[in-house]
Amino acid sequence: MSIFTGNHFFLPVIAIAALAATTPLAGCKRIPDADANRPETALAYPPASRPVSELAGNQWSTETARDKVGEAEEIMKAAGIEPGMTVADIGAGEGYYTVRLAERVGAEGRVLAQDIDKDAIKRLADRVARDALDNVSIKLGAPDDPRLPEDSFDRIFLVHMYHEVREPYAFLSRLRPSIRRDANGGSYDGGEVIVVDVDRPFVQHGIPPKQLFCEFEAVGYQLIGFMERPELGGYFARFRPVGKALLPGKIKACELEK
């Protein structure tokens, strides 16, 4: 039996057991050798113009330590999470946000937990089944495509993972259609992307806010909220799509800030 949300079906878990200006790069020309390690499905998009952090595992900190400072509670409150919402947790890992979002949205809400790590997906599926979280579904994503159903989500969470996205322009472009539109299928009046990350060098598993803002703006998102919360592990940013989606060839990569 599948879980129905909006116009889409999710597979149940049980079945699985702009604050600063930046200068765009001139054109999108790429050296052939530079494309050798890129997914073929991402080649139409500009490559990342910055270092990409290596995968750091799926546990950013202990859940006890995070709860002690009230991280999830504060972030969910700031993101406006309410009962009945449909939410995606991208890069869900061990499920810290997944299980807390599931409780917050309640029985009438839905949470889709996604990760590109098959082992993490299996562990999370076991946890969700063990805790009988009937409003949670799980999906395997791709490095350049979150593979989310269209027009489905009130909020999409990217928590301590965006700096590890190897194809940011393809990823953000393919994320955009999954954000819920208004009742007439027009503007994105309610749907948002929530980013929690750290302002530090890429090699230290962070991303400066200016670079984050630029990459989202390059793909047609507008920054609608930002706050620095070091006690919660970094900063918090809210984005909403604006205007029409850009074709891959029209996207200009952001130049790395000197």
Protein backbone atom coordinates (compact mmCIF):
# COMPACT_ATOMS: atom_id res chain seq x y z
CA MET A 1 0.00 0.00 0.00
CA SER A 2 1.44 3.37 -0.96
CA ILE A 3 1.28 6.68 0.86
CA PHE A 4 -0.61 9.33 -1.11
CA THR A 5 0.32 13.00 -0.90
CA GLY A 6 -0.96 15.62 -3.27
CA ASN A 7 -0.87 14.16 -6.76
CA HIS A 8 1.94 11.75 -6.01
CA PHE A 9 2.57 8.39 -4.36
CA PHE A 10 5.54 7.66 -2.10
CA LEU A 11 6.70 4.11 -1.36
CA PRO A 12 6.23 3.38 2.36
CA VAL A 13 9.29 2.60 4.44
CA ILE A 14 7.93 -0.75 5.48
CA ALA A 15 8.09 -1.81 1.86
CA ILE A 16 11.79 -1.08 1.79
CA ALA A 17 12.50 -2.75 5.33
CA ALA A 18 21.10 38.52 -2.29
CA LEU A 19 23.30 40.03 0.28
CA ALA A 20 26.42 40.48 -1.77
CA ALA A 21 27.07 40.74 -5.50
CA THR A 22 29.24 38.23 -7.24
CA THR A 23 30.76 38.16 -10.70
CA PRO A 24 29.56 35.40 -13.04
CA LEU A 25 32.02 33.39 -15.02
CA ALA A 26 32.24 34.26 -18.69
CA GLY A 27 30.26 31.61 -20.51
CA CYS A 28 30.06 27.96 -19.56
CA LYS A 29 32.96 26.51 -21.54
CA ARG A 30 34.50 23.45 -19.97
CA ILE A 31 37.76 21.67 -20.54
CA PRO A 32 36.94 18.13 -21.75
CA ASP A 33 39.16 16.51 -19.12
CA ALA A 34 37.33 18.45 -16.42
CA ASP A 35 34.13 16.67 -17.42
CA ALA A 36 35.60 13.19 -17.13
CA ASN A 37 34.47 12.67 -13.55
CA ARG A 38 31.10 14.40 -13.91
CA PRO A 39 27.84 12.47 -14.36
CA GLU A 40 26.68 12.52 -17.96
CA THR A 41 23.30 13.74 -16.72
CA ALA A 42 24.92 16.94 -15.39
CA LEU A 43 27.03 17.94 -18.39
CA ALA A 44 24.46 20.39 -19.75
CA TYR A 45 24.85 22.46 -16.57
CA PRO A 46 27.84 24.55 -15.48
CA PRO A 47 30.27 22.65 -13.25
CA ALA A 48 30.89 23.77 -9.70
CA SER A 49 33.23 26.75 -9.73
CA ARG A 50 34.41 26.08 -6.18
CA PRO A 51 35.92 23.19 -4.24
CA VAL A 52 33.38 20.59 -3.16
CA SER A 53 33.70 19.08 0.29
CA GLU A 54 34.25 15.36 0.51
CA LEU A 55 31.46 13.32 2.04
CA ALA A 56 31.90 13.48 5.79
CA GLY A 57 29.59 10.70 6.83
CA ASN A 58 26.02 10.92 7.93
CA GLN A 59 26.26 12.04 11.54
CA TRP A 60 27.15 15.71 11.90
CA SER A 61 27.09 15.52 15.71
CA THR A 62 25.47 13.37 18.36
CA GLU A 63 21.70 13.68 18.56
CA THR A 64 21.89 14.21 22.31
CA ALA A 65 24.25 17.17 21.87
CA ARG A 66 22.05 18.66 19.15
CA ASP A 67 18.91 18.30 21.23
CA LYS A 68 20.65 19.82 24.24
CA VAL A 69 20.94 23.15 22.39
CA GLY A 70 17.48 22.76 20.87
CA GLU A 71 18.76 22.67 17.29
CA ALA A 72 15.92 20.87 15.51
CA GLU A 73 13.21 22.61 17.52
CA GLU A 74 14.60 26.07 16.75
CA ILE A 75 15.21 25.33 13.06
CA MET A 76 11.75 23.82 12.54
CA LYS A 77 10.18 26.81 14.27
CA ALA A 78 12.14 29.26 12.11
CA ALA A 79 11.16 27.29 9.00
CA GLY A 80 7.49 27.51 9.91
CA ILE A 81 6.90 23.76 10.10
CA GLU A 82 3.28 23.04 11.00
CA PRO A 83 1.08 19.95 11.34
CA GLY A 84 -0.12 18.62 8.00
CA MET A 85 2.83 19.86 5.95
CA THR A 86 4.71 17.75 3.42
CA VAL A 87 8.47 18.04 3.95
CA ALA A 88 11.61 16.58 2.33
CA ASP A 89 14.80 15.92 4.28
CA ILE A 90 17.62 15.75 1.71
CA GLY A 91 20.82 14.07 2.84
CA ALA A 92 18.85 12.63 5.73
CA GLY A 93 21.68 10.38 6.91
CA GLU A 94 20.87 8.79 10.27
CA GLY A 95 17.54 10.60 10.41
CA TYR A 96 18.04 13.26 13.07
CA TYR A 97 15.72 15.71 11.29
CA THR A 98 13.56 13.03 9.69
CA VAL A 99 12.19 11.67 12.96
CA ARG A 100 11.68 15.12 14.46
CA LEU A 101 9.98 16.45 11.34
CA ALA A 102 7.72 13.40 11.35
CA GLU A 103 6.58 14.21 14.86
CA ARG A 104 6.15 17.90 14.03
CA VAL A 105 3.99 17.45 10.89
CA GLY A 106 1.91 14.76 12.57
CA ALA A 107 -0.26 12.00 11.17
CA GLU A 108 -1.76 14.27 8.51
CA GLY A 109 1.67 15.38 7.30
CA ARG A 110 4.32 13.56 5.28
CA VAL A 111 8.11 13.42 5.36
CA LEU A 112 10.25 12.12 2.50
CA ALA A 113 13.78 11.27 3.65
CA GLN A 114 16.35 11.13 0.83
CA ASP A 115 20.04 10.27 0.68
CA ILE A 116 22.54 9.13 -1.95
CA ASP A 117 24.19 6.67 0.44
CA LYS A 118 22.54 3.25 0.12
CA ASP A 119 23.86 2.09 3.49
CA ALA A 120 22.48 5.18 5.19
CA ILE A 121 19.13 4.60 3.48
CA LYS A 122 19.00 1.05 4.84
CA ARG A 123 19.86 2.13 8.38
CA LEU A 124 17.30 4.91 8.24
CA ALA A 125 14.64 2.54 6.91
CA ASP A 126 15.33 0.23 9.86
CA ARG A 127 15.01 3.13 12.28
CA VAL A 128 11.78 4.40 10.76
CA ALA A 129 10.27 0.92 10.77
CA ARG A 130 11.41 0.31 14.36
CA ASP A 131 9.85 3.59 15.49
CA ALA A 132 6.68 2.92 13.43
CA LEU A 133 6.84 6.31 11.70
CA ASP A 134 3.99 5.71 9.28
CA ASN A 135 4.17 9.22 7.82
CA VAL A 136 7.77 8.80 6.58
CA SER A 137 8.88 7.49 3.19
CA ILE A 138 12.44 6.99 1.97
CA LYS A 139 14.02 7.56 -1.43
CA LEU A 140 17.47 7.08 -2.94
CA GLY A 141 18.70 10.20 -4.70
CA ALA A 142 21.52 10.97 -7.14
CA PRO A 143 24.43 13.42 -6.71
CA ASP A 144 23.01 15.74 -9.39
CA ASP A 145 19.29 15.04 -8.91
CA PRO A 146 17.28 14.73 -5.68
CA ARG A 147 14.63 12.78 -7.67
CA LEU A 148 11.66 14.32 -5.90
CA PRO A 149 8.06 14.33 -7.19
CA GLU A 150 6.90 17.62 -8.66
CA ASP A 151 4.75 20.21 -6.88
CA SER A 152 4.83 18.27 -3.61
CA PHE A 153 6.74 19.95 -0.78
CA ASP A 154 6.01 22.84 1.55
CA ARG A 155 9.59 22.75 2.84
CA ILE A 156 12.77 21.05 1.62
CA PHE A 157 15.58 20.75 4.18
CA LEU A 158 19.29 20.70 3.22
CA VAL A 159 21.02 20.40 6.58
CA HIS A 160 24.83 20.30 6.76
CA MET A 161 24.99 18.73 3.30
CA TYR A 162 24.84 21.43 0.60
CA HIS A 163 28.63 21.98 0.67
CA GLU A 164 28.96 18.32 -0.41
CA VAL A 165 26.72 18.69 -3.50
CA ARG A 166 29.08 18.06 -6.41
CA GLU A 167 26.77 19.45 -9.10
CA PRO A 168 25.08 22.43 -7.42
CA TYR A 169 23.52 23.95 -10.56
CA ALA A 170 22.03 20.70 -11.83
CA PHE A 171 20.93 19.74 -8.31
CA LEU A 172 19.20 23.04 -7.53
CA SER A 173 17.57 23.17 -10.97
CA ARG A 174 16.10 19.71 -10.52
CA LEU A 175 15.06 20.47 -6.94
CA ARG A 176 12.97 23.46 -7.98
CA PRO A 177 9.98 21.68 -9.62
CA SER A 178 9.33 19.67 -6.45
CA ILE A 179 8.48 22.80 -4.42
CA ARG A 180 4.75 23.23 -3.93
CA ARG A 181 3.05 25.97 -5.93
CA ASP A 182 -0.08 27.92 -5.05
CA ALA A 183 -3.57 26.47 -5.57
CA ASN A 184 -3.59 27.56 -9.22
CA GLY A 185 -0.24 25.95 -9.99
CA GLY A 186 1.39 29.34 -10.51
CA SER A 187 3.73 31.04 -8.05
CA TYR A 188 5.74 29.42 -5.26
CA ASP A 189 3.97 31.44 -2.58
CA GLY A 190 4.41 28.89 0.19
CA GLY A 191 7.13 26.40 -0.72
CA GLU A 192 10.68 27.02 0.53
CA VAL A 193 14.13 25.46 0.62
CA ILE A 194 15.76 25.55 4.05
CA VAL A 195 19.57 25.42 4.26
CA VAL A 196 21.57 24.93 7.45
CA ASP A 197 25.33 25.08 6.96
CA VAL A 198 28.53 26.53 8.39
CA ASP A 199 30.49 29.63 7.35
CA ARG A 200 33.94 28.13 6.96
CA PRO A 201 36.22 26.92 4.11
CA PHE A 202 35.00 24.14 1.84
CA VAL A 203 37.82 21.85 2.93
CA GLN A 204 36.50 22.21 6.48
CA HIS A 205 33.01 21.14 5.43
CA GLY A 206 31.33 24.50 5.13
CA ILE A 207 30.35 27.12 2.59
CA PRO A 208 30.51 30.92 2.93
CA PRO A 209 27.01 32.43 2.85
CA LYS A 210 27.84 34.70 -0.11
CA GLN A 211 28.72 31.68 -2.23
CA LEU A 212 25.53 29.93 -1.16
CA PHE A 213 23.40 32.97 -2.01
CA CYS A 214 25.02 33.32 -5.42
CA GLU A 215 24.51 29.69 -6.42
CA PHE A 216 20.84 29.72 -5.45
CA GLU A 217 20.31 33.05 -7.23
CA ALA A 218 22.02 31.74 -10.38
CA VAL A 219 19.34 29.05 -10.69
CA GLY A 220 16.39 31.35 -9.96
CA TYR A 221 15.89 31.34 -6.20
CA GLN A 222 15.39 34.36 -3.95
CA LEU A 223 16.81 34.61 -0.44
CA ILE A 224 13.89 35.39 1.89
CA GLY A 225 15.48 34.87 5.28
CA PHE A 226 18.87 34.47 6.93
CA MET A 227 20.20 34.26 10.46
CA GLU A 228 23.49 33.28 12.02
CA ARG A 229 23.04 30.75 14.80
CA PRO A 230 26.47 29.38 15.82
CA GLU A 231 24.96 27.81 18.92
CA LEU A 232 22.81 25.68 16.59
CA GLY A 233 25.72 24.64 14.40
CA GLY A 234 26.03 27.42 11.83
CA TYR A 235 23.65 29.61 9.84
CA PHE A 236 20.07 29.25 8.60
CA ALA A 237 18.86 30.42 5.16
CA ARG A 238 15.46 30.30 3.45
CA PHE A 239 15.01 30.39 -0.32
CA ARG A 240 12.00 30.51 -2.64
CA PRO A 241 11.95 30.05 -6.44
CA VAL A 242 11.07 33.16 -8.43
CA GLY A 243 10.30 33.67 -12.11
CA LYS A 244 10.65 30.97 -14.71
CA ALA A 245 13.17 28.15 -14.47
CA LEU A 246 16.35 28.77 -16.47
CA LEU A 247 17.51 26.42 -19.20
CA PRO A 248 20.88 24.79 -18.35
CA GLY A 249 22.73 26.84 -20.96
CA LYS A 250 21.42 30.10 -19.48
CA ILE A 251 22.80 29.43 -16.00
CA LYS A 252 26.00 31.33 -15.18
CA ALA A 253 28.23 29.78 -12.56
CA CYS A 254 29.35 31.92 -9.63
CA GLU A 255 32.97 32.90 -9.43
CA LEU A 256 34.63 31.82 -6.21
CA GLU A 257 35.05 34.83 -3.95
CA LYS A 258 38.70 35.86 -3.56
